[in-house]
Amino acid sequence: MNRFLRGGEAGGKAGTVLAVWAAGLVLQTAVAAGGASAPAATRSAAAAPPSLAVAFPKTYDRYETSKLYIGLLDHVARCAAVRLVNLRGDPIERGPEMLDLLSEKDMLEALKTGRLQLAQVTAGLVPVAMDSTDARPFAVRGDGATGNASTYRLNLIVKAESPYRAPTDLKGRKIAHTTPGSNSGNLAPRAYFPGLGLTPDTDYTVIYSRGHERSIVGVLHGFYDGAAVASDQFQRMIRKGEVSASSFRVLWESPPFPAEAWMLSGRVPAALRDKVVRCVGDYRIPASLVPLLEGADRYVPIEPEKAYEPVRFVLSKSRPAAR
């Protein structure tokens, strides 16, 4: 083709005519494909939906997290016409292994820098995130009939066959906490247990298990004498048949705390934020998952300052220890 377009010494005029004809053909092809004035890459970029990076806490593994929440994420993606990705930019629709499960520290850092736009945040971290980032909570799981948000309590549990009948019986023993930033798994015990005559690190040895399920199973198998755990996660393991309620004794429980919240970065454009908030509110939790989410059948709006006041109380009492 190139030698015809060059024309050559003997056929310059014919080559020129052919070149003009070829140029016209290229132009016609471009117009038929969508217009010479709009390159394909530009049109593709213009049509691409906005992306939001999503992350979860390390409450469950990726497959359990996906089971509980992938329906919500699929709904939001369709309803708000948004592409949901992990922090590496991979679409989470590819499977559970694409979900990011972050520590408290990493969750806060990702929200602070703006790399993370939509996050499920544990109750103990919500006030901290509100104070240190531009993210704001907008919904928690709840009951559609009453409009009430789901709550949970701190449970101090021991093995049923143990000799422990009161919190003070655990003096000198090993009690599992979960992670330093966990509300029910560390901060609340440090706020409430001293009033029960059981001061962490003084009256008993604190061992961080790295998770509520690990604490519960650790008590069952004798690794810990007791454990501070979230009641909702304790009850969820019972409902799933992973442990039996008769294997444990609850020595004490706290006043209620709000459940984990969905938070949106303040850097998300207002129009998109409104869409996401509306779509989350429109979602209905499948009946098969309602028992695993403590009877919650949807996500309800909250007043953050009022809802998380009990958590702020805990933080005020336990902040020195949390550092």
Protein backbone atom coordinates (compact mmCIF):
# COMPACT_ATOMS: atom_id res chain seq x y z
CA MET A 1 0.00 0.00 0.00
CA ASN A 2 2.80 2.44 0.92
CA ARG A 3 4.48 2.22 -2.49
CA PHE A 4 1.20 3.22 -4.22
CA LEU A 5 0.75 6.17 -1.90
CA ARG A 6 4.32 7.30 -2.58
CA GLY A 7 3.52 7.24 -6.32
CA GLY A 8 7.10 6.82 -7.62
CA GLU A 9 8.83 8.70 -10.44
CA ALA A 10 6.81 7.07 -13.26
CA GLY A 11 3.36 7.37 -11.70
CA GLY A 12 3.38 10.44 -9.48
CA LYS A 13 0.08 11.82 -10.73
CA ALA A 14 -1.74 8.51 -10.46
CA GLY A 15 -0.22 8.00 -7.02
CA THR A 16 -1.50 11.37 -5.91
CA VAL A 17 -5.04 10.59 -7.06
CA LEU A 18 -4.93 7.24 -5.29
CA ALA A 19 -3.68 8.91 -2.12
CA VAL A 20 -6.59 11.34 -2.13
CA TRP A 21 -9.04 8.49 -2.66
CA ALA A 22 -7.50 6.48 0.18
CA ALA A 23 -7.64 9.45 2.52
CA GLY A 24 -11.33 9.89 1.72
CA LEU A 25 -11.96 6.22 2.46
CA VAL A 26 -10.22 6.51 5.85
CA LEU A 27 -12.35 9.57 6.70
CA GLN A 28 -15.58 7.78 5.72
CA THR A 29 -14.61 4.79 7.89
CA ALA A 30 -13.90 7.03 10.87
CA VAL A 31 -17.24 8.81 10.52
CA ALA A 32 -19.09 5.50 10.26
CA ALA A 33 -17.37 4.30 13.45
CA GLY A 34 -18.54 7.27 15.46
CA GLY A 35 -17.08 10.48 14.05
CA ALA A 36 -13.57 11.67 13.25
CA SER A 37 -13.90 14.38 15.87
CA ALA A 38 -14.29 11.91 18.79
CA PRO A 39 -11.42 9.39 19.08
CA ALA A 40 -12.40 5.97 20.49
CA ALA A 41 -10.36 6.41 23.68
CA THR A 42 -12.07 9.71 24.44
CA ARG A 43 -15.54 8.27 23.84
CA SER A 44 -14.71 5.27 26.07
CA ALA A 45 -13.50 7.49 28.91
CA ALA A 46 -16.60 9.67 28.68
CA ALA A 47 -18.87 6.63 28.88
CA ALA A 48 -17.02 4.97 31.80
CA PRO A 49 -18.94 5.07 35.11
CA PRO A 50 -17.31 6.70 38.15
CA SER A 51 -15.34 4.41 40.48
CA LEU A 52 -15.52 4.09 44.25
CA ALA A 53 -12.94 2.16 46.26
CA VAL A 54 -14.59 -0.09 48.86
CA ALA A 55 -13.17 -1.80 51.95
CA PHE A 56 -14.27 -3.79 55.00
CA PRO A 57 -12.86 -4.39 58.48
CA LYS A 58 -11.22 -7.70 59.34
CA THR A 59 -14.35 -8.93 61.11
CA TYR A 60 -14.70 -12.00 58.89
CA ASP A 61 -12.69 -13.61 56.13
CA ARG A 62 -13.25 -12.59 52.51
CA TYR A 63 -15.70 -15.37 51.74
CA GLU A 64 -17.91 -14.73 54.77
CA THR A 65 -17.78 -10.98 54.08
CA SER A 66 -18.77 -11.59 50.48
CA LYS A 67 -21.65 -13.85 51.54
CA LEU A 68 -23.06 -11.16 53.83
CA TYR A 69 -22.52 -8.05 51.72
CA ILE A 70 -21.92 -8.78 48.03
CA GLY A 71 -25.65 -8.47 47.34
CA LEU A 72 -25.64 -4.94 48.72
CA LEU A 73 -22.57 -4.00 46.69
CA ASP A 74 -24.02 -5.43 43.48
CA HIS A 75 -27.20 -3.45 44.08
CA VAL A 76 -25.30 -0.21 44.70
CA ALA A 77 -23.19 -0.70 41.59
CA ARG A 78 -26.29 -1.10 39.40
CA CYS A 79 -28.53 1.41 41.16
CA ALA A 80 -25.98 4.22 41.38
CA ALA A 81 -24.29 3.36 38.05
CA VAL A 82 -20.92 3.18 39.76
CA ARG A 83 -17.92 0.88 39.42
CA LEU A 84 -16.86 -0.60 42.78
CA VAL A 85 -13.20 -1.48 43.09
CA ASN A 86 -10.62 -2.37 45.73
CA LEU A 87 -7.69 -0.13 46.65
CA ARG A 88 -5.67 -1.54 43.74
CA GLY A 89 -8.41 -0.63 41.27
CA ASP A 90 -9.57 -4.21 40.68
CA PRO A 91 -13.36 -4.64 40.22
CA ILE A 92 -14.74 -6.41 43.28
CA GLU A 93 -17.28 -8.21 41.08
CA ARG A 94 -14.47 -10.60 40.10
CA GLY A 95 -14.88 -12.50 43.37
CA PRO A 96 -14.35 -12.55 47.16
CA GLU A 97 -10.57 -12.52 46.77
CA MET A 98 -10.86 -8.97 45.41
CA LEU A 99 -12.27 -7.60 48.68
CA ASP A 100 -9.97 -5.50 50.86
CA LEU A 101 -10.12 -6.33 54.57
CA LEU A 102 -8.27 -3.61 56.47
CA SER A 103 -6.92 -3.16 59.97
CA GLU A 104 -8.10 -0.15 61.97
CA LYS A 105 -4.87 1.69 61.18
CA ASP A 106 -5.00 0.97 57.46
CA MET A 107 -8.70 1.86 57.26
CA LEU A 108 -8.09 5.28 58.82
CA GLU A 109 -5.07 5.95 56.63
CA ALA A 110 -6.95 5.07 53.44
CA LEU A 111 -9.86 7.35 54.44
CA LYS A 112 -7.51 10.19 55.38
CA THR A 113 -5.67 10.11 52.06
CA GLY A 114 -8.84 9.80 49.99
CA ARG A 115 -7.83 6.44 48.49
CA LEU A 116 -10.91 4.88 50.10
CA GLN A 117 -14.36 6.32 49.41
CA LEU A 118 -16.91 3.77 50.69
CA ALA A 119 -16.21 1.72 53.81
CA GLN A 120 -17.88 -0.44 56.38
CA VAL A 121 -16.39 0.76 59.67
CA THR A 122 -16.59 -0.95 63.06
CA ALA A 123 -18.42 0.91 65.83
CA GLY A 124 -15.29 1.64 67.83
CA LEU A 125 -13.61 3.25 64.84
CA VAL A 126 -16.55 5.38 63.65
CA PRO A 127 -16.01 8.33 66.05
CA VAL A 128 -12.26 8.21 65.41
CA ALA A 129 -12.85 8.32 61.65
CA MET A 130 -15.32 11.19 62.07
CA ASP A 131 -12.73 13.19 64.03
CA SER A 132 -9.71 12.47 61.87
CA THR A 133 -11.07 12.16 58.30
CA ASP A 134 -13.72 13.80 56.12
CA ALA A 135 -15.75 10.56 55.97
CA ARG A 136 -19.21 10.50 57.53
CA PRO A 137 -21.46 7.56 58.51
CA PHE A 138 -24.81 7.46 56.73
CA ALA A 139 -26.37 4.05 57.43
CA VAL A 140 -26.30 1.00 59.68
CA ARG A 141 -28.16 -2.28 59.43
CA GLY A 142 -31.54 -2.17 61.12
CA ASP A 143 -35.21 -3.09 61.31
CA GLY A 144 -37.46 -1.70 58.59
CA ALA A 145 -40.63 -2.09 60.67
CA THR A 146 -39.36 0.08 63.53
CA GLY A 147 -36.67 2.08 61.78
CA ASN A 148 -34.32 1.22 64.63
CA ALA A 149 -30.65 0.58 64.04
CA SER A 150 -29.17 -2.75 65.10
CA THR A 151 -27.18 -2.82 68.32
CA TYR A 152 -24.85 -5.20 70.10
CA ARG A 153 -23.30 -5.53 73.55
CA LEU A 154 -19.97 -6.43 75.05
CA ASN A 155 -20.18 -9.95 76.50
CA LEU A 156 -17.72 -11.35 79.01
CA ILE A 157 -17.85 -15.08 78.33
CA VAL A 158 -16.30 -18.16 79.91
CA LYS A 159 -16.61 -21.87 79.27
CA ALA A 160 -19.79 -23.31 80.81
CA GLU A 161 -17.93 -26.02 82.70
CA SER A 162 -15.45 -23.53 84.22
CA PRO A 163 -15.59 -22.55 87.90
CA TYR A 164 -16.00 -18.83 87.07
CA ARG A 165 -19.32 -17.34 88.17
CA ALA A 166 -18.55 -13.62 88.49
CA PRO A 167 -16.15 -11.25 86.72
CA THR A 168 -13.88 -11.05 89.77
CA ASP A 169 -13.38 -14.82 89.62
CA LEU A 170 -11.16 -14.16 86.60
CA LYS A 171 -8.54 -12.25 88.59
CA GLY A 172 -5.10 -13.61 87.82
CA ARG A 173 -6.35 -15.36 84.69
CA LYS A 174 -5.98 -14.88 80.93
CA ILE A 175 -8.75 -12.97 79.13
CA ALA A 176 -8.82 -12.57 75.36
CA HIS A 177 -9.31 -9.13 73.84
CA THR A 178 -9.51 -8.89 70.04
CA THR A 179 -7.57 -5.92 68.60
CA PRO A 180 -6.46 -2.62 70.20
CA GLY A 181 -8.97 -0.54 68.22
CA SER A 182 -11.98 -2.81 68.71
CA ASN A 183 -14.84 -1.32 70.74
CA SER A 184 -16.29 -4.45 72.34
CA GLY A 185 -13.07 -6.40 71.96
CA ASN A 186 -10.79 -3.97 73.83
CA LEU A 187 -11.94 -0.39 74.42
CA ALA A 188 -15.22 -1.19 76.18
CA PRO A 189 -13.62 -3.76 78.51
CA ARG A 190 -11.06 -1.15 79.53
CA ALA A 191 -13.87 1.34 80.19
CA TYR A 192 -16.29 -0.97 82.03
CA PHE A 193 -14.32 -3.82 83.63
CA PRO A 194 -12.57 -1.70 86.31
CA GLY A 195 -16.03 -0.89 87.68
CA LEU A 196 -16.61 -4.62 88.01
CA GLY A 197 -13.44 -5.04 90.04
CA LEU A 198 -11.50 -6.44 87.08
CA THR A 199 -8.91 -4.02 85.69
CA PRO A 200 -7.23 -5.07 82.41
CA ASP A 201 -3.44 -5.62 82.59
CA THR A 202 -3.61 -5.33 86.37
CA ASP A 203 -6.10 -7.94 87.55
CA TYR A 204 -5.70 -10.21 84.55
CA THR A 205 -3.44 -10.83 81.55
CA VAL A 206 -4.71 -9.38 78.27
CA ILE A 207 -4.08 -11.51 75.20
CA TYR A 208 -5.01 -10.12 71.77
CA SER A 209 -6.59 -12.90 69.73
CA ARG A 210 -6.95 -10.82 66.51
CA GLY A 211 -10.68 -11.49 66.18
CA HIS A 212 -13.96 -12.19 67.99
CA GLU A 213 -14.33 -15.65 66.48
CA ARG A 214 -10.80 -16.54 67.57
CA SER A 215 -11.58 -15.36 71.09
CA ILE A 216 -14.76 -17.45 71.25
CA VAL A 217 -13.11 -20.59 69.89
CA GLY A 218 -10.11 -19.96 72.15
CA VAL A 219 -12.34 -20.01 75.25
CA LEU A 220 -14.06 -23.17 74.02
CA HIS A 221 -10.73 -24.98 73.65
CA GLY A 222 -9.18 -23.67 76.83
CA PHE A 223 -6.63 -21.25 75.38
CA TYR A 224 -8.21 -18.39 77.35
CA ASP A 225 -10.08 -18.42 80.66
CA GLY A 226 -12.48 -15.76 79.40
CA ALA A 227 -13.04 -13.39 76.49
CA ALA A 228 -14.49 -9.97 75.77
CA VAL A 229 -16.56 -10.35 72.60
CA ALA A 230 -19.32 -8.66 70.62
CA SER A 231 -22.70 -10.24 71.34
CA ASP A 232 -23.80 -10.12 67.70
CA GLN A 233 -20.79 -12.08 66.51
CA PHE A 234 -21.16 -14.54 69.39
CA GLN A 235 -24.82 -15.13 68.50
CA ARG A 236 -24.00 -15.41 64.80
CA MET A 237 -21.58 -18.28 65.46
CA ILE A 238 -24.30 -19.99 67.50
CA ARG A 239 -26.90 -19.57 64.74
CA LYS A 240 -24.49 -20.96 62.16
CA GLY A 241 -23.88 -24.01 64.34
CA GLU A 242 -20.18 -23.28 64.72
CA VAL A 243 -20.46 -23.31 68.53
CA SER A 244 -23.20 -24.24 71.00
CA ALA A 245 -24.69 -21.73 73.42
CA SER A 246 -24.65 -24.42 76.11
CA SER A 247 -20.85 -24.52 75.93
CA PHE A 248 -20.53 -20.98 77.35
CA ARG A 249 -21.59 -18.81 80.25
CA VAL A 250 -22.04 -15.04 79.93
CA LEU A 251 -20.80 -13.45 83.16
CA TRP A 252 -21.67 -9.84 82.24
CA GLU A 253 -22.95 -7.72 79.38
CA SER A 254 -22.70 -4.00 78.67
CA PRO A 255 -25.30 -1.42 77.65
CA PRO A 256 -26.02 -1.50 73.87
CA PHE A 257 -23.77 -0.03 71.19
CA PRO A 258 -24.72 0.80 67.57
CA ALA A 259 -23.64 -1.67 64.91
CA GLU A 260 -20.92 -1.05 62.34
CA ALA A 261 -21.63 1.82 59.94
CA TRP A 262 -21.30 2.53 56.25
CA MET A 263 -19.22 5.67 55.70
CA LEU A 264 -18.62 7.80 52.60
CA SER A 265 -15.65 10.04 51.99
CA GLY A 266 -16.35 13.77 51.87
CA ARG A 267 -14.46 13.84 48.58
CA VAL A 268 -17.21 11.94 46.78
CA PRO A 269 -19.20 14.41 44.61
CA ALA A 270 -22.51 15.39 46.21
CA ALA A 271 -24.65 13.99 43.39
CA LEU A 272 -22.93 10.61 43.53
CA ARG A 273 -23.04 10.57 47.30
CA ASP A 274 -26.80 11.15 47.23
CA LYS A 275 -27.21 8.27 44.78
CA VAL A 276 -25.20 5.86 46.92
CA VAL A 277 -27.05 6.84 50.11
CA ARG A 278 -30.41 6.37 48.37
CA CYS A 279 -29.42 3.03 46.85
CA VAL A 280 -28.16 1.64 50.16
CA GLY A 281 -31.44 2.69 51.77
CA ASP A 282 -33.46 1.01 49.00
CA TYR A 283 -31.67 -2.34 49.39
CA ARG A 284 -33.46 -5.21 51.15
CA ILE A 285 -31.38 -7.84 52.86
CA PRO A 286 -32.29 -11.37 51.61
CA ALA A 287 -34.35 -13.43 54.03
CA SER A 288 -31.62 -16.07 54.19
CA LEU A 289 -29.17 -13.53 55.62
CA VAL A 290 -31.51 -11.80 58.09
CA PRO A 291 -30.80 -14.32 60.91
CA LEU A 292 -27.06 -13.87 60.38
CA LEU A 293 -27.41 -10.09 60.71
CA GLU A 294 -29.35 -10.21 63.99
CA GLY A 295 -32.75 -9.70 62.34
CA ALA A 296 -31.76 -6.68 60.24
CA ASP A 297 -33.64 -6.54 56.94
CA ARG A 298 -32.26 -3.28 55.51
CA TYR A 299 -29.95 -0.33 56.19
CA VAL A 300 -31.39 2.63 58.05
CA PRO A 301 -30.18 6.25 58.35
CA ILE A 302 -28.60 7.45 61.59
CA GLU A 303 -27.77 10.61 63.48
CA PRO A 304 -24.04 9.97 63.95
CA GLU A 305 -23.37 12.09 67.02
CA LYS A 306 -26.32 10.68 68.94
CA ALA A 307 -25.92 7.09 67.76
CA TYR A 308 -22.23 6.84 68.64
CA GLU A 309 -22.35 8.72 71.95
CA PRO A 310 -21.94 5.43 73.91
CA VAL A 311 -18.81 4.69 71.89
CA ARG A 312 -17.41 8.16 72.61
CA PHE A 313 -17.95 7.48 76.32
CA VAL A 314 -15.91 4.30 75.98
CA LEU A 315 -13.19 6.14 74.07
CA SER A 316 -13.00 8.85 76.73
CA LYS A 317 -12.50 6.23 79.45
CA SER A 318 -10.08 4.02 77.56
CA ARG A 319 -8.09 6.38 75.35
CA PRO A 320 -4.88 6.25 77.43
CA ALA A 321 -4.92 2.46 77.20
CA ALA A 322 -5.81 2.54 73.51
CA ARG A 323 -2.63 4.46 72.73
